[in-house]
Amino acid sequence: MRYDQIIIEPVLTEKTNSMREVDGKVKYTFKVNPRANKLQIMDAVKNLFSVKPVECRIINVKAKPRQSRTKSGIRSGSTTPWKKAIVTLAEGNKIEIIEGV
């Protein structure tokens, strides 16, 4: 797998932005390919953003049930499951593209 296929997009929410600067550690959250493992994710972050990752935690986000109302009645379904990775960087490293600097 190529590096740009492993990391799909950064997850930018209020919670991930506040988590970015907790305890002096810099953490970034990414939506990643479901087949990628921790070593592949850390290698992709290192090569794509030129930073040194120290730790990687992976979370499999389950599908949530959803319903929508239409003219013909209620349609039920679910969102798609996805994989999330929280990457901790070494001190002094930042990803400037995500920071907006």
C-alpha atoms as a PDB file:
ATOM      1  CA  MET A   1       0.000   0.000   0.000  1.00  0.00           C
ATOM      2  CA  ARG A   2       1.216   3.505  -0.770  1.00  0.00           C
ATOM      3  CA  TYR A   3       1.461   6.109   1.987  1.00  0.00           C
ATOM      4  CA  ASP A   4      -1.321   8.263   0.545  1.00  0.00           C
ATOM      5  CA  GLN A   5      -3.617   5.204   0.532  1.00  0.00           C
ATOM      6  CA  ILE A   6      -2.974   4.474   4.220  1.00  0.00           C
ATOM      7  CA  ILE A   7      -3.874   7.912   5.612  1.00  0.00           C
ATOM      8  CA  ILE A   8      -7.218   9.021   4.185  1.00  0.00           C
ATOM      9  CA  GLU A   9      -7.835  12.326   5.998  1.00  0.00           C
ATOM     10  CA  PRO A  10      -7.240  14.074   9.334  1.00  0.00           C
ATOM     11  CA  VAL A  11     -10.091  14.101  11.825  1.00  0.00           C
ATOM     12  CA  LEU A  12     -10.618  17.750  12.809  1.00  0.00           C
ATOM     13  CA  THR A  13     -13.167  18.049  15.605  1.00  0.00           C
ATOM     14  CA  GLU A  14     -13.309  20.055  18.789  1.00  0.00           C
ATOM     15  CA  LYS A  15     -12.248  17.037  20.827  1.00  0.00           C
ATOM     16  CA  THR A  16      -9.232  16.213  18.638  1.00  0.00           C
ATOM     17  CA  ASN A  17      -8.135  19.862  18.603  1.00  0.00           C
ATOM     18  CA  SER A  18      -8.189  20.033  22.413  1.00  0.00           C
ATOM     19  CA  MET A  19      -6.418  16.662  22.650  1.00  0.00           C
ATOM     20  CA  ARG A  20      -3.628  17.914  20.406  1.00  0.00           C
ATOM     21  CA  GLU A  21      -1.831  19.810  23.213  1.00  0.00           C
ATOM     22  CA  VAL A  22      -2.519  17.783  26.374  1.00  0.00           C
ATOM     23  CA  ASP A  23       0.331  16.899  28.790  1.00  0.00           C
ATOM     24  CA  GLY A  24       2.970  18.457  26.539  1.00  0.00           C
ATOM     25  CA  LYS A  25       2.481  15.693  23.942  1.00  0.00           C
ATOM     26  CA  VAL A  26       1.373  16.478  20.414  1.00  0.00           C
ATOM     27  CA  LYS A  27      -1.303  14.064  19.153  1.00  0.00           C
ATOM     28  CA  TYR A  28      -3.021  13.989  15.773  1.00  0.00           C
ATOM     29  CA  THR A  29      -6.011  11.929  14.729  1.00  0.00           C
ATOM     30  CA  PHE A  30      -6.404  10.438  11.250  1.00  0.00           C
ATOM     31  CA  LYS A  31      -8.974   8.400   9.381  1.00  0.00           C
ATOM     32  CA  VAL A  32      -6.965   5.464   8.003  1.00  0.00           C
ATOM     33  CA  ASN A  33      -7.353   2.483   5.708  1.00  0.00           C
ATOM     34  CA  PRO A  34      -9.075  -0.421   7.539  1.00  0.00           C
ATOM     35  CA  ARG A  35      -6.339  -2.856   6.430  1.00  0.00           C
ATOM     36  CA  ALA A  36      -3.434  -0.741   7.753  1.00  0.00           C
ATOM     37  CA  ASN A  37      -1.594  -1.668  10.947  1.00  0.00           C
ATOM     38  CA  LYS A  38       0.256   0.509  13.475  1.00  0.00           C
ATOM     39  CA  LEU A  39       3.677   0.209  11.851  1.00  0.00           C
ATOM     40  CA  GLN A  40       2.341   1.129   8.410  1.00  0.00           C
ATOM     41  CA  ILE A  41       0.485   4.144   9.835  1.00  0.00           C
ATOM     42  CA  MET A  42       3.561   5.420  11.698  1.00  0.00           C
ATOM     43  CA  ASP A  43       5.712   4.963   8.593  1.00  0.00           C
ATOM     44  CA  ALA A  44       3.158   6.835   6.449  1.00  0.00           C
ATOM     45  CA  VAL A  45       3.021   9.775   8.907  1.00  0.00           C
ATOM     46  CA  LYS A  46       6.823   9.895   9.004  1.00  0.00           C
ATOM     47  CA  ASN A  47       7.178   9.994   5.207  1.00  0.00           C
ATOM     48  CA  LEU A  48       4.193  12.196   4.318  1.00  0.00           C
ATOM     49  CA  PHE A  49       4.667  14.921   6.945  1.00  0.00           C
ATOM     50  CA  SER A  50       8.434  14.666   7.743  1.00  0.00           C
ATOM     51  CA  VAL A  51       7.915  14.217  11.489  1.00  0.00           C
ATOM     52  CA  LYS A  52       8.927  11.540  13.998  1.00  0.00           C
ATOM     53  CA  PRO A  53       5.972   9.545  15.404  1.00  0.00           C
ATOM     54  CA  VAL A  54       6.497   7.928  18.797  1.00  0.00           C
ATOM     55  CA  GLU A  55       3.246   6.076  19.425  1.00  0.00           C
ATOM     56  CA  CYS A  56       0.124   5.026  17.521  1.00  0.00           C
ATOM     57  CA  ARG A  57      -3.230   3.947  18.925  1.00  0.00           C
ATOM     58  CA  ILE A  58      -5.929   2.457  16.722  1.00  0.00           C
ATOM     59  CA  ILE A  59      -9.695   2.545  17.239  1.00  0.00           C
ATOM     60  CA  ASN A  60     -12.255   0.732  15.105  1.00  0.00           C
ATOM     61  CA  VAL A  61     -15.319   2.987  14.993  1.00  0.00           C
ATOM     62  CA  LYS A  62     -18.486   0.906  14.738  1.00  0.00           C
ATOM     63  CA  ALA A  63     -21.426   1.670  12.467  1.00  0.00           C
ATOM     64  CA  LYS A  64     -24.299   3.642  14.007  1.00  0.00           C
ATOM     65  CA  PRO A  65     -27.944   3.020  13.126  1.00  0.00           C
ATOM     66  CA  ARG A  66     -29.631   5.824  11.192  1.00  0.00           C
ATOM     67  CA  GLN A  67     -33.180   6.471  10.031  1.00  0.00           C
ATOM     68  CA  SER A  68     -34.522   8.929   7.513  1.00  0.00           C
ATOM     69  CA  ARG A  69     -38.071   9.937   6.719  1.00  0.00           C
ATOM     70  CA  THR A  70     -39.162   9.907   3.083  1.00  0.00           C
ATOM     71  CA  LYS A  71     -42.467  10.166   1.215  1.00  0.00           C
ATOM     72  CA  SER A  72     -42.784   6.404   1.113  1.00  0.00           C
ATOM     73  CA  GLY A  73     -42.045   5.896   4.817  1.00  0.00           C
ATOM     74  CA  ILE A  74     -39.106   5.455   7.131  1.00  0.00           C
ATOM     75  CA  ARG A  75     -35.891   4.042   5.692  1.00  0.00           C
ATOM     76  CA  SER A  76     -33.461   2.524   8.147  1.00  0.00           C
ATOM     77  CA  GLY A  77     -29.786   1.864   7.607  1.00  0.00           C
ATOM     78  CA  SER A  78     -26.450   2.535   9.213  1.00  0.00           C
ATOM     79  CA  THR A  79     -23.316   4.601   8.777  1.00  0.00           C
ATOM     80  CA  THR A  80     -20.168   2.892   7.500  1.00  0.00           C
ATOM     81  CA  PRO A  81     -17.623   1.581  10.007  1.00  0.00           C
ATOM     82  CA  TRP A  82     -14.138   3.144   9.811  1.00  0.00           C
ATOM     83  CA  LYS A  83     -10.718   3.026  11.442  1.00  0.00           C
ATOM     84  CA  LYS A  84      -9.203   5.883  13.431  1.00  0.00           C
ATOM     85  CA  ALA A  85      -5.547   6.302  14.435  1.00  0.00           C
ATOM     86  CA  ILE A  86      -4.217   8.612  17.151  1.00  0.00           C
ATOM     87  CA  VAL A  87      -0.538   9.340  16.480  1.00  0.00           C
ATOM     88  CA  THR A  88       1.720  10.863  19.145  1.00  0.00           C
ATOM     89  CA  LEU A  89       4.718  12.819  17.849  1.00  0.00           C
ATOM     90  CA  ALA A  90       8.099  13.405  19.441  1.00  0.00           C
ATOM     91  CA  GLU A  91       8.691  16.680  21.280  1.00  0.00           C
ATOM     92  CA  GLY A  92       9.234  19.661  19.015  1.00  0.00           C
ATOM     93  CA  ASN A  93       7.476  18.093  16.014  1.00  0.00           C
ATOM     94  CA  LYS A  94       4.286  19.541  14.513  1.00  0.00           C
ATOM     95  CA  ILE A  95       2.365  18.961  11.327  1.00  0.00           C
ATOM     96  CA  GLU A  96       2.119  22.480   9.916  1.00  0.00           C
ATOM     97  CA  ILE A  97      -0.504  21.611   7.288  1.00  0.00           C
ATOM     98  CA  ILE A  98      -3.009  20.634   9.978  1.00  0.00           C
ATOM     99  CA  GLU A  99      -2.023  23.413  12.369  1.00  0.00           C
ATOM    100  CA  GLY A 100      -2.692  26.066   9.722  1.00  0.00           C
ATOM    101  CA  VAL A 101       0.630  27.836  10.283  1.00  0.00           C
END
